[in-house]
Amino acid sequence: MILSIESSCDDSSIAITEIETRRVIFHKKISQELEHSRYGGVVPELAARLHAKALPMILEECRSYFGSLKAIAVTTNPGLSVTLMEGIMMAKALSISLNIPIVEINHLHGHIYSLFIEKESTNFPLTVLLVSGGHTQVIEANSLTKMRVVMSTMDDSFGESFDKVAKMMGLGYPGGPVIERLARDGDRDSYPFTVPLQKRGELAFSYSGLKNAVRLAVESADKSDYADIAASFEKIATLHIMRKLKKYFKTNPPQRFAIVGGASANLYLRSQIEDLLKPYGATLHLAELKYCSDNACMIGRMAVDIFDSTKNVS
């Protein structure tokens, strides 16, 4: 088995994955949303202290599996340095005490492997849209070792913009689910926000300008207008992605397409992607909703493939 640790942001998570079957034997995650909600976003130093408390509590429940572990997997990048360090220190301590190797995992690649949790095989190649609180990227994932970023954000991410709009409205953290629920009762055409980068040809994303336009709308609106603002914002934020994907698809038509990351749970985004893919006859791959946000299962699933590939080479 492989024990995996995820602490890249504000979720403390540990999982144990059986190497041969890829089955999740144990998984527990402790969210810090309540502690950070009063600040309207993640406070790194607070998150690190909470990880220092939560991770050992979860690990205590895993002791009975220690004798069966072949490796320790841990997220090493990207993420908040102070929170990553909590997981890395635990991984190093376990590696030394149990005399087993550490498997370092890229957090973004881990999100791609959320598609394969408890599945014996992977389904590469894939064109992947990764949307989370810190990243908005399009990745051509051809195999475990061949993943290439072809499009990325120039500033704010898709998920981060939802969090910041919610903060402007005083709706707390995390903002994604709150804005999505609020938008269902609003008119998507009530605020004519400009689609970012619509006059620029580069394959990139940007949400800073849209975020500022929403801020100005919120400052001059009543709370009764918030649903319309949320709906209009969600429409334009998603339309921005659709237009850039459509441009990319002109020269790189998709066959298998996936959405991963915490913001991939947004149902409006999912529906728009489904419509976009229809003319290409492409299949859409999605992780289970419980695995969209940060979790140690995706870290463990990728670590199993890395462990197996290393074993086969040796």
C-alpha atoms as a PDB file:
ATOM      1  CA  MET A   1       0.000   0.000   0.000  1.00  0.00           C
ATOM      2  CA  ILE A   2       0.965   3.669  -0.380  1.00  0.00           C
ATOM      3  CA  LEU A   3       0.101   6.306   2.199  1.00  0.00           C
ATOM      4  CA  SER A   4      -0.465   9.730   0.615  1.00  0.00           C
ATOM      5  CA  ILE A   5      -0.549  13.194   2.181  1.00  0.00           C
ATOM      6  CA  GLU A   6      -2.131  16.363   0.768  1.00  0.00           C
ATOM      7  CA  SER A   7      -1.588  19.752   2.455  1.00  0.00           C
ATOM      8  CA  SER A   8      -1.117  22.195  -0.447  1.00  0.00           C
ATOM      9  CA  CYS A   9      -3.740  24.662   0.816  1.00  0.00           C
ATOM     10  CA  ASP A  10      -6.531  24.415   3.386  1.00  0.00           C
ATOM     11  CA  ASP A  11      -7.502  20.730   3.337  1.00  0.00           C
ATOM     12  CA  SER A  12      -5.660  18.230   5.566  1.00  0.00           C
ATOM     13  CA  SER A  13      -5.989  14.861   3.887  1.00  0.00           C
ATOM     14  CA  ILE A  14      -4.417  11.405   4.158  1.00  0.00           C
ATOM     15  CA  ALA A  15      -5.277   8.325   2.109  1.00  0.00           C
ATOM     16  CA  ILE A  16      -4.028   4.768   1.743  1.00  0.00           C
ATOM     17  CA  THR A  17      -4.198   3.130  -1.686  1.00  0.00           C
ATOM     18  CA  GLU A  18      -3.643  -0.537  -2.442  1.00  0.00           C
ATOM     19  CA  ILE A  19      -0.976  -0.826  -5.129  1.00  0.00           C
ATOM     20  CA  GLU A  20      -2.226  -3.902  -6.986  1.00  0.00           C
ATOM     21  CA  THR A  21      -5.932  -2.995  -7.200  1.00  0.00           C
ATOM     22  CA  ARG A  22      -5.709   0.842  -6.980  1.00  0.00           C
ATOM     23  CA  ARG A  23      -8.446   0.572  -4.346  1.00  0.00           C
ATOM     24  CA  VAL A  24      -8.722   3.283  -1.665  1.00  0.00           C
ATOM     25  CA  ILE A  25      -8.353   1.502   1.671  1.00  0.00           C
ATOM     26  CA  PHE A  26      -8.536   4.614   3.856  1.00  0.00           C
ATOM     27  CA  HIS A  27      -9.311   8.252   3.240  1.00  0.00           C
ATOM     28  CA  LYS A  28      -9.984  11.128   5.585  1.00  0.00           C
ATOM     29  CA  LYS A  29     -10.017  14.864   4.982  1.00  0.00           C
ATOM     30  CA  ILE A  30     -10.419  17.686   7.486  1.00  0.00           C
ATOM     31  CA  SER A  31     -11.504  20.974   5.921  1.00  0.00           C
ATOM     32  CA  GLN A  32     -10.470  24.371   7.281  1.00  0.00           C
ATOM     33  CA  GLU A  33     -13.248  26.305   5.539  1.00  0.00           C
ATOM     34  CA  LEU A  34     -14.939  27.404   8.759  1.00  0.00           C
ATOM     35  CA  GLU A  35     -11.719  28.809  10.242  1.00  0.00           C
ATOM     36  CA  HIS A  36     -10.854  30.784   7.095  1.00  0.00           C
ATOM     37  CA  SER A  37     -14.381  31.968   6.246  1.00  0.00           C
ATOM     38  CA  ARG A  38     -14.206  34.882   8.681  1.00  0.00           C
ATOM     39  CA  TYR A  39     -11.257  36.275   6.689  1.00  0.00           C
ATOM     40  CA  GLY A  40     -12.828  35.776   3.263  1.00  0.00           C
ATOM     41  CA  GLY A  41      -9.964  33.578   2.082  1.00  0.00           C
ATOM     42  CA  VAL A  42      -7.132  31.302   3.148  1.00  0.00           C
ATOM     43  CA  VAL A  43      -4.646  32.699   5.677  1.00  0.00           C
ATOM     44  CA  PRO A  44      -1.434  30.692   5.051  1.00  0.00           C
ATOM     45  CA  GLU A  45      -0.001  30.837   8.591  1.00  0.00           C
ATOM     46  CA  LEU A  46      -3.336  29.806  10.108  1.00  0.00           C
ATOM     47  CA  ALA A  47      -3.651  26.994   7.574  1.00  0.00           C
ATOM     48  CA  ALA A  48      -0.189  25.683   8.496  1.00  0.00           C
ATOM     49  CA  ARG A  49      -1.053  25.631  12.221  1.00  0.00           C
ATOM     50  CA  LEU A  50      -4.286  23.773  11.501  1.00  0.00           C
ATOM     51  CA  HIS A  51      -2.429  21.218   9.372  1.00  0.00           C
ATOM     52  CA  ALA A  52       0.040  20.683  12.224  1.00  0.00           C
ATOM     53  CA  LYS A  53      -2.911  19.742  14.411  1.00  0.00           C
ATOM     54  CA  ALA A  54      -5.082  17.811  11.946  1.00  0.00           C
ATOM     55  CA  LEU A  55      -2.556  15.684  10.046  1.00  0.00           C
ATOM     56  CA  PRO A  56      -1.227  13.812  13.131  1.00  0.00           C
ATOM     57  CA  MET A  57      -4.829  13.177  14.235  1.00  0.00           C
ATOM     58  CA  ILE A  58      -5.623  11.553  10.886  1.00  0.00           C
ATOM     59  CA  LEU A  59      -2.327   9.660  10.801  1.00  0.00           C
ATOM     60  CA  GLU A  60      -3.107   8.073  14.166  1.00  0.00           C
ATOM     61  CA  GLU A  61      -6.022   6.273  12.495  1.00  0.00           C
ATOM     62  CA  CYS A  62      -3.615   4.732   9.949  1.00  0.00           C
ATOM     63  CA  ARG A  63      -1.202   2.993  12.304  1.00  0.00           C
ATOM     64  CA  SER A  64      -2.594  -0.467  11.652  1.00  0.00           C
ATOM     65  CA  TYR A  65      -1.546  -0.145   7.989  1.00  0.00           C
ATOM     66  CA  PHE A  66       2.075   0.865   8.618  1.00  0.00           C
ATOM     67  CA  GLY A  67       3.424  -2.670   8.196  1.00  0.00           C
ATOM     68  CA  SER A  68       1.942  -2.913   4.692  1.00  0.00           C
ATOM     69  CA  LEU A  69       3.258   0.393   3.344  1.00  0.00           C
ATOM     70  CA  LYS A  70       5.716   0.379   0.455  1.00  0.00           C
ATOM     71  CA  ALA A  71       6.050   4.169   0.029  1.00  0.00           C
ATOM     72  CA  ILE A  72       4.891   7.566   1.278  1.00  0.00           C
ATOM     73  CA  ALA A  73       3.468   9.970  -1.310  1.00  0.00           C
ATOM     74  CA  VAL A  74       3.225  13.687  -0.657  1.00  0.00           C
ATOM     75  CA  THR A  75       2.305  16.843  -2.540  1.00  0.00           C
ATOM     76  CA  THR A  76       5.485  18.903  -2.970  1.00  0.00           C
ATOM     77  CA  ASN A  77       4.355  21.638  -5.414  1.00  0.00           C
ATOM     78  CA  PRO A  78       2.639  23.899  -6.260  1.00  0.00           C
ATOM     79  CA  GLY A  79       0.845  25.283  -3.219  1.00  0.00           C
ATOM     80  CA  LEU A  80       1.366  27.442  -0.143  1.00  0.00           C
ATOM     81  CA  SER A  81       4.938  26.864   1.027  1.00  0.00           C
ATOM     82  CA  VAL A  82       4.083  26.893   4.732  1.00  0.00           C
ATOM     83  CA  THR A  83       1.278  24.341   4.330  1.00  0.00           C
ATOM     84  CA  LEU A  84       3.184  22.115   1.916  1.00  0.00           C
ATOM     85  CA  MET A  85       5.968  21.923   4.484  1.00  0.00           C
ATOM     86  CA  GLU A  86       3.641  20.361   7.064  1.00  0.00           C
ATOM     87  CA  GLY A  87       2.904  17.442   4.762  1.00  0.00           C
ATOM     88  CA  ILE A  88       6.507  17.129   3.587  1.00  0.00           C
ATOM     89  CA  MET A  89       7.853  16.999   7.171  1.00  0.00           C
ATOM     90  CA  MET A  90       5.372  14.248   8.034  1.00  0.00           C
ATOM     91  CA  ALA A  91       6.333  12.316   4.896  1.00  0.00           C
ATOM     92  CA  LYS A  92      10.042  12.564   5.731  1.00  0.00           C
ATOM     93  CA  ALA A  93       9.461  11.391   9.307  1.00  0.00           C
ATOM     94  CA  LEU A  94       7.449   8.394   8.099  1.00  0.00           C
ATOM     95  CA  SER A  95       9.982   7.583   5.395  1.00  0.00           C
ATOM     96  CA  ILE A  96      12.823   7.496   7.918  1.00  0.00           C
ATOM     97  CA  SER A  97      10.967   5.600  10.630  1.00  0.00           C
ATOM     98  CA  LEU A  98       9.481   2.973   8.284  1.00  0.00           C
ATOM     99  CA  ASN A  99      12.526   2.852   5.951  1.00  0.00           C
ATOM    100  CA  ILE A 100      10.454   3.295   2.788  1.00  0.00           C
ATOM    101  CA  PRO A 101      10.832   5.802  -0.085  1.00  0.00           C
ATOM    102  CA  ILE A 102       9.006   9.090  -0.664  1.00  0.00           C
ATOM    103  CA  VAL A 103       7.116   9.685  -3.919  1.00  0.00           C
ATOM    104  CA  GLU A 104       6.913  13.398  -4.732  1.00  0.00           C
ATOM    105  CA  ILE A 105       3.702  14.479  -6.469  1.00  0.00           C
ATOM    106  CA  ASN A 106       2.894  17.596  -8.469  1.00  0.00           C
ATOM    107  CA  HIS A 107      -0.457  18.803  -7.126  1.00  0.00           C
ATOM    108  CA  LEU A 108      -1.822  19.787 -10.559  1.00  0.00           C
ATOM    109  CA  HIS A 109      -0.939  16.426 -12.070  1.00  0.00           C
ATOM    110  CA  GLY A 110      -2.593  14.875  -9.040  1.00  0.00           C
ATOM    111  CA  HIS A 111      -5.840  16.597 -10.014  1.00  0.00           C
ATOM    112  CA  ILE A 112      -5.644  14.884 -13.406  1.00  0.00           C
ATOM    113  CA  TYR A 113      -5.338  11.566 -11.582  1.00  0.00           C
ATOM    114  CA  SER A 114      -8.542  12.333  -9.668  1.00  0.00           C
ATOM    115  CA  LEU A 115     -10.178  10.994 -12.845  1.00  0.00           C
ATOM    116  CA  PHE A 116      -8.654   7.554 -12.205  1.00  0.00           C
ATOM    117  CA  ILE A 117      -9.235   7.061  -8.467  1.00  0.00           C
ATOM    118  CA  GLU A 118     -10.102   3.398  -7.803  1.00  0.00           C
ATOM    119  CA  LYS A 119      -9.738   2.620 -11.515  1.00  0.00           C
ATOM    120  CA  GLU A 120      -7.154   0.026 -12.477  1.00  0.00           C
ATOM    121  CA  SER A 121      -6.093   1.805 -15.664  1.00  0.00           C
ATOM    122  CA  THR A 122      -5.716   5.366 -16.899  1.00  0.00           C
ATOM    123  CA  ASN A 123      -7.329   6.834 -20.005  1.00  0.00           C
ATOM    124  CA  PHE A 124      -4.638   8.871 -21.751  1.00  0.00           C
ATOM    125  CA  PRO A 125      -4.321  10.889 -23.917  1.00  0.00           C
ATOM    126  CA  LEU A 126      -6.594  13.641 -22.594  1.00  0.00           C
ATOM    127  CA  THR A 127      -7.016  17.351 -23.117  1.00  0.00           C
ATOM    128  CA  VAL A 128      -7.607  18.642 -19.598  1.00  0.00           C
ATOM    129  CA  LEU A 129      -9.130  21.883 -18.318  1.00  0.00           C
ATOM    130  CA  LEU A 130      -7.884  22.426 -14.777  1.00  0.00           C
ATOM    131  CA  VAL A 131      -9.912  25.006 -12.851  1.00  0.00           C
ATOM    132  CA  SER A 132      -9.195  25.599  -9.186  1.00  0.00           C
ATOM    133  CA  GLY A 133      -8.704  28.312  -6.609  1.00  0.00           C
ATOM    134  CA  GLY A 134      -5.145  28.899  -7.723  1.00  0.00           C
ATOM    135  CA  HIS A 135      -4.948  27.736 -11.320  1.00  0.00           C
ATOM    136  CA  THR A 136      -6.697  27.852 -14.671  1.00  0.00           C
ATOM    137  CA  GLN A 137      -4.857  25.782 -17.262  1.00  0.00           C
ATOM    138  CA  VAL A 138      -5.352  23.622 -20.314  1.00  0.00           C
ATOM    139  CA  ILE A 139      -3.030  20.623 -20.225  1.00  0.00           C
ATOM    140  CA  GLU A 140      -2.314  18.060 -22.903  1.00  0.00           C
ATOM    141  CA  ALA A 141      -1.907  14.937 -20.794  1.00  0.00           C
ATOM    142  CA  ASN A 142      -0.506  12.144 -22.949  1.00  0.00           C
ATOM    143  CA  SER A 143       0.846   9.845 -20.247  1.00  0.00           C
ATOM    144  CA  LEU A 144       2.112   9.747 -16.675  1.00  0.00           C
ATOM    145  CA  THR A 145       5.341  11.475 -17.701  1.00  0.00           C
ATOM    146  CA  LYS A 146       4.157  13.582 -20.641  1.00  0.00           C
ATOM    147  CA  MET A 147       1.943  16.467 -19.553  1.00  0.00           C
ATOM    148  CA  ARG A 148       2.252  19.834 -21.267  1.00  0.00           C
ATOM    149  CA  VAL A 149       0.560  23.123 -20.294  1.00  0.00           C
ATOM    150  CA  VAL A 150      -0.754  24.796 -23.457  1.00  0.00           C
ATOM    151  CA  MET A 151      -2.816  27.568 -21.885  1.00  0.00           C
ATOM    152  CA  SER A 152      -2.730  29.287 -18.498  1.00  0.00           C
ATOM    153  CA  THR A 153      -4.027  32.335 -16.659  1.00  0.00           C
ATOM    154  CA  MET A 154      -2.148  35.607 -16.762  1.00  0.00           C
ATOM    155  CA  ASP A 155      -3.402  36.665 -13.325  1.00  0.00           C
ATOM    156  CA  ASP A 156      -6.367  35.438 -11.279  1.00  0.00           C
ATOM    157  CA  SER A 157      -7.788  31.952 -11.734  1.00  0.00           C
ATOM    158  CA  PHE A 158     -11.381  30.929 -12.484  1.00  0.00           C
ATOM    159  CA  GLY A 159     -11.947  29.605  -8.967  1.00  0.00           C
ATOM    160  CA  GLU A 160     -10.141  32.493  -7.286  1.00  0.00           C
ATOM    161  CA  SER A 161     -12.374  35.004  -9.082  1.00  0.00           C
ATOM    162  CA  PHE A 162     -15.465  33.301  -7.611  1.00  0.00           C
ATOM    163  CA  ASP A 163     -13.947  33.525  -4.135  1.00  0.00           C
ATOM    164  CA  LYS A 164     -13.158  37.216  -4.569  1.00  0.00           C
ATOM    165  CA  VAL A 165     -16.619  38.073  -5.939  1.00  0.00           C
ATOM    166  CA  ALA A 166     -18.173  36.342  -2.939  1.00  0.00           C
ATOM    167  CA  LYS A 167     -15.892  38.332  -0.645  1.00  0.00           C
ATOM    168  CA  MET A 168     -16.982  41.595  -2.327  1.00  0.00           C
ATOM    169  CA  MET A 169     -20.566  40.676  -1.516  1.00  0.00           C
ATOM    170  CA  GLY A 170     -19.731  39.675   2.060  1.00  0.00           C
ATOM    171  CA  LEU A 171     -20.811  36.082   1.425  1.00  0.00           C
ATOM    172  CA  GLY A 172     -17.875  34.298   3.030  1.00  0.00           C
ATOM    173  CA  TYR A 173     -15.458  31.602   1.904  1.00  0.00           C
ATOM    174  CA  PRO A 174     -15.288  29.443  -0.149  1.00  0.00           C
ATOM    175  CA  GLY A 175     -17.035  31.568  -2.747  1.00  0.00           C
ATOM    176  CA  GLY A 176     -17.523  29.098  -5.594  1.00  0.00           C
ATOM    177  CA  PRO A 177     -20.542  27.202  -4.241  1.00  0.00           C
ATOM    178  CA  VAL A 178     -22.093  30.407  -2.839  1.00  0.00           C
ATOM    179  CA  ILE A 179     -21.905  32.320  -6.127  1.00  0.00           C
ATOM    180  CA  GLU A 180     -23.125  29.278  -8.073  1.00  0.00           C
ATOM    181  CA  ARG A 181     -26.213  28.957  -5.856  1.00  0.00           C
ATOM    182  CA  LEU A 182     -26.882  32.692  -5.965  1.00  0.00           C
ATOM    183  CA  ALA A 183     -26.549  32.768  -9.764  1.00  0.00           C
ATOM    184  CA  ARG A 184     -29.371  30.244 -10.195  1.00  0.00           C
ATOM    185  CA  ASP A 185     -31.872  32.917  -9.115  1.00  0.00           C
ATOM    186  CA  GLY A 186     -30.368  35.701 -11.234  1.00  0.00           C
ATOM    187  CA  ASP A 187     -30.636  37.038 -14.777  1.00  0.00           C
ATOM    188  CA  ARG A 188     -27.443  36.162 -16.683  1.00  0.00           C
ATOM    189  CA  ASP A 189     -27.971  39.048 -19.118  1.00  0.00           C
ATOM    190  CA  SER A 190     -28.645  41.807 -16.606  1.00  0.00           C
ATOM    191  CA  TYR A 191     -25.035  43.043 -16.358  1.00  0.00           C
ATOM    192  CA  PRO A 192     -23.144  43.299 -19.698  1.00  0.00           C
ATOM    193  CA  PHE A 193     -19.679  42.510 -18.376  1.00  0.00           C
ATOM    194  CA  THR A 194     -16.957  42.376 -21.020  1.00  0.00           C
ATOM    195  CA  VAL A 195     -15.475  39.000 -21.922  1.00  0.00           C
ATOM    196  CA  PRO A 196     -11.755  39.097 -20.994  1.00  0.00           C
ATOM    197  CA  LEU A 197      -9.159  39.152 -23.787  1.00  0.00           C
ATOM    198  CA  GLN A 198     -11.818  39.046 -26.490  1.00  0.00           C
ATOM    199  CA  LYS A 199      -9.786  41.348 -28.759  1.00  0.00           C
ATOM    200  CA  ARG A 200      -6.504  39.576 -28.108  1.00  0.00           C
ATOM    201  CA  GLY A 201      -5.510  36.453 -29.959  1.00  0.00           C
ATOM    202  CA  GLU A 202      -3.208  34.755 -27.482  1.00  0.00           C
ATOM    203  CA  LEU A 203      -4.219  31.488 -25.883  1.00  0.00           C
ATOM    204  CA  ALA A 204      -4.434  32.597 -22.278  1.00  0.00           C
ATOM    205  CA  PHE A 205      -6.919  33.399 -19.533  1.00  0.00           C
ATOM    206  CA  SER A 206      -7.353  36.544 -17.432  1.00  0.00           C
ATOM    207  CA  TYR A 207      -9.849  37.363 -14.690  1.00  0.00           C
ATOM    208  CA  SER A 208      -8.471  40.534 -13.093  1.00  0.00           C
ATOM    209  CA  GLY A 209     -10.425  42.876 -15.391  1.00  0.00           C
ATOM    210  CA  LEU A 210     -13.703  40.996 -14.970  1.00  0.00           C
ATOM    211  CA  LYS A 211     -13.173  40.916 -11.223  1.00  0.00           C
ATOM    212  CA  ASN A 212     -12.746  44.709 -11.172  1.00  0.00           C
ATOM    213  CA  ALA A 213     -15.890  45.227 -13.284  1.00  0.00           C
ATOM    214  CA  VAL A 214     -17.862  43.116 -10.819  1.00  0.00           C
ATOM    215  CA  ARG A 215     -16.426  45.119  -7.926  1.00  0.00           C
ATOM    216  CA  LEU A 216     -17.716  48.353  -9.456  1.00  0.00           C
ATOM    217  CA  ALA A 217     -21.131  46.761 -10.016  1.00  0.00           C
ATOM    218  CA  VAL A 218     -21.318  45.544  -6.424  1.00  0.00           C
ATOM    219  CA  GLU A 219     -20.341  48.931  -5.024  1.00  0.00           C
ATOM    220  CA  SER A 220     -23.227  50.642  -6.829  1.00  0.00           C
ATOM    221  CA  ALA A 221     -25.827  47.898  -6.284  1.00  0.00           C
ATOM    222  CA  ASP A 222     -28.252  46.849  -3.582  1.00  0.00           C
ATOM    223  CA  LYS A 223     -28.152  43.365  -2.079  1.00  0.00           C
ATOM    224  CA  SER A 224     -31.292  42.588  -4.062  1.00  0.00           C
ATOM    225  CA  ASP A 225     -29.139  42.883  -7.205  1.00  0.00           C
ATOM    226  CA  TYR A 226     -26.519  40.362  -6.069  1.00  0.00           C
ATOM    227  CA  ALA A 227     -28.191  37.364  -7.734  1.00  0.00           C
ATOM    228  CA  ASP A 228     -28.169  39.157 -11.107  1.00  0.00           C
ATOM    229  CA  ILE A 229     -24.538  40.189 -10.646  1.00  0.00           C
ATOM    230  CA  ALA A 230     -23.557  36.634  -9.691  1.00  0.00           C
ATOM    231  CA  ALA A 231     -25.398  35.160 -12.690  1.00  0.00           C
ATOM    232  CA  SER A 232     -23.886  37.665 -15.120  1.00  0.00           C
ATOM    233  CA  PHE A 233     -20.418  37.139 -13.685  1.00  0.00           C
ATOM    234  CA  GLU A 234     -20.679  33.332 -13.871  1.00  0.00           C
ATOM    235  CA  LYS A 235     -21.852  33.552 -17.488  1.00  0.00           C
ATOM    236  CA  ILE A 236     -18.954  35.776 -18.619  1.00  0.00           C
ATOM    237  CA  ALA A 237     -16.325  33.925 -16.558  1.00  0.00           C
ATOM    238  CA  THR A 238     -17.389  30.699 -18.240  1.00  0.00           C
ATOM    239  CA  LEU A 239     -17.821  32.244 -21.699  1.00  0.00           C
ATOM    240  CA  HIS A 240     -14.202  33.401 -21.506  1.00  0.00           C
ATOM    241  CA  ILE A 241     -13.088  29.789 -21.126  1.00  0.00           C
ATOM    242  CA  MET A 242     -15.409  28.600 -23.894  1.00  0.00           C
ATOM    243  CA  ARG A 243     -14.058  31.118 -26.413  1.00  0.00           C
ATOM    244  CA  LYS A 244     -10.425  30.319 -25.687  1.00  0.00           C
ATOM    245  CA  LEU A 245     -11.084  26.582 -25.881  1.00  0.00           C
ATOM    246  CA  LYS A 246     -12.941  27.003 -29.164  1.00  0.00           C
ATOM    247  CA  LYS A 247      -9.961  28.889 -30.576  1.00  0.00           C
ATOM    248  CA  TYR A 248      -7.589  26.151 -29.399  1.00  0.00           C
ATOM    249  CA  PHE A 249      -9.820  23.423 -30.824  1.00  0.00           C
ATOM    250  CA  LYS A 250      -9.506  24.925 -34.342  1.00  0.00           C
ATOM    251  CA  THR A 251      -6.021  23.462 -34.602  1.00  0.00           C
ATOM    252  CA  ASN A 252      -6.272  20.836 -31.846  1.00  0.00           C
ATOM    253  CA  PRO A 253      -9.704  19.188 -32.060  1.00  0.00           C
ATOM    254  CA  PRO A 254     -10.432  17.210 -28.881  1.00  0.00           C
ATOM    255  CA  GLN A 255     -11.159  13.493 -28.710  1.00  0.00           C
ATOM    256  CA  ARG A 256     -11.144  12.979 -24.967  1.00  0.00           C
ATOM    257  CA  PHE A 257     -11.667  16.052 -22.786  1.00  0.00           C
ATOM    258  CA  ALA A 258     -11.663  16.322 -19.003  1.00  0.00           C
ATOM    259  CA  ILE A 259     -12.391  18.976 -16.383  1.00  0.00           C
ATOM    260  CA  VAL A 260     -10.576  18.679 -13.048  1.00  0.00           C
ATOM    261  CA  GLY A 261      -9.935  20.821  -9.972  1.00  0.00           C
ATOM    262  CA  GLY A 262     -12.185  22.227  -7.281  1.00  0.00           C
ATOM    263  CA  ALA A 263     -14.077  24.545  -9.637  1.00  0.00           C
ATOM    264  CA  SER A 264     -14.859  21.633 -11.976  1.00  0.00           C
ATOM    265  CA  ALA A 265     -17.822  20.962  -9.684  1.00  0.00           C
ATOM    266  CA  ASN A 266     -19.532  24.062 -11.138  1.00  0.00           C
ATOM    267  CA  LEU A 267     -22.571  22.686 -12.974  1.00  0.00           C
ATOM    268  CA  TYR A 268     -22.951  25.684 -15.299  1.00  0.00           C
ATOM    269  CA  LEU A 269     -19.358  25.269 -16.472  1.00  0.00           C
ATOM    270  CA  ARG A 270     -19.941  21.549 -17.017  1.00  0.00           C
ATOM    271  CA  SER A 271     -23.053  22.159 -19.109  1.00  0.00           C
ATOM    272  CA  GLN A 272     -21.298  24.723 -21.302  1.00  0.00           C
ATOM    273  CA  ILE A 273     -18.352  22.392 -21.871  1.00  0.00           C
ATOM    274  CA  GLU A 274     -20.721  19.592 -22.846  1.00  0.00           C
ATOM    275  CA  ASP A 275     -22.333  21.836 -25.473  1.00  0.00           C
ATOM    276  CA  LEU A 276     -18.919  22.943 -26.758  1.00  0.00           C
ATOM    277  CA  LEU A 277     -17.740  19.349 -27.251  1.00  0.00           C
ATOM    278  CA  LYS A 278     -20.808  18.110 -29.164  1.00  0.00           C
ATOM    279  CA  PRO A 279     -19.684  19.206 -32.667  1.00  0.00           C
ATOM    280  CA  TYR A 280     -16.406  17.328 -32.173  1.00  0.00           C
ATOM    281  CA  GLY A 281     -17.980  14.122 -30.909  1.00  0.00           C
ATOM    282  CA  ALA A 282     -15.548  14.251 -28.007  1.00  0.00           C
ATOM    283  CA  THR A 283     -16.134  12.387 -24.769  1.00  0.00           C
ATOM    284  CA  LEU A 284     -16.186  14.324 -21.482  1.00  0.00           C
ATOM    285  CA  HIS A 285     -14.445  12.846 -18.445  1.00  0.00           C
ATOM    286  CA  LEU A 286     -15.204  14.070 -14.928  1.00  0.00           C
ATOM    287  CA  ALA A 287     -14.005  13.076 -11.481  1.00  0.00           C
ATOM    288  CA  GLU A 288     -16.547  12.156  -8.838  1.00  0.00           C
ATOM    289  CA  LEU A 289     -17.746  15.317  -7.101  1.00  0.00           C
ATOM    290  CA  LYS A 290     -16.192  14.214  -3.795  1.00  0.00           C
ATOM    291  CA  TYR A 291     -12.787  14.089  -5.508  1.00  0.00           C
ATOM    292  CA  CYS A 292     -12.945  17.437  -7.364  1.00  0.00           C
ATOM    293  CA  SER A 293     -11.458  19.432  -4.489  1.00  0.00           C
ATOM    294  CA  ASP A 294      -8.012  18.768  -2.986  1.00  0.00           C
ATOM    295  CA  ASN A 295      -7.688  15.250  -1.580  1.00  0.00           C
ATOM    296  CA  ALA A 296      -5.029  12.664  -0.794  1.00  0.00           C
ATOM    297  CA  CYS A 297      -6.709   9.952  -2.906  1.00  0.00           C
ATOM    298  CA  MET A 298      -5.638  11.637  -6.149  1.00  0.00           C
ATOM    299  CA  ILE A 299      -2.101  11.972  -4.777  1.00  0.00           C
ATOM    300  CA  GLY A 300      -2.065   8.288  -3.872  1.00  0.00           C
ATOM    301  CA  ARG A 301      -3.489   7.196  -7.231  1.00  0.00           C
ATOM    302  CA  MET A 302      -0.748   8.988  -9.151  1.00  0.00           C
ATOM    303  CA  ALA A 303       1.895   7.719  -6.720  1.00  0.00           C
ATOM    304  CA  VAL A 304       0.872   4.115  -7.421  1.00  0.00           C
ATOM    305  CA  ASP A 305       1.566   4.562 -11.141  1.00  0.00           C
ATOM    306  CA  ILE A 306       4.913   6.234 -10.408  1.00  0.00           C
ATOM    307  CA  PHE A 307       5.829   3.463  -7.952  1.00  0.00           C
ATOM    308  CA  ASP A 308       4.931   0.766 -10.477  1.00  0.00           C
ATOM    309  CA  SER A 309       6.876   2.456 -13.291  1.00  0.00           C
ATOM    310  CA  THR A 310       9.951   2.794 -11.092  1.00  0.00           C
ATOM    311  CA  LYS A 311       9.675  -0.833  -9.985  1.00  0.00           C
ATOM    312  CA  ASN A 312       9.400  -2.057 -13.561  1.00  0.00           C
ATOM    313  CA  VAL A 313      12.461  -0.059 -14.607  1.00  0.00           C
ATOM    314  CA  SER A 314      14.569  -1.369 -11.715  1.00  0.00           C
END
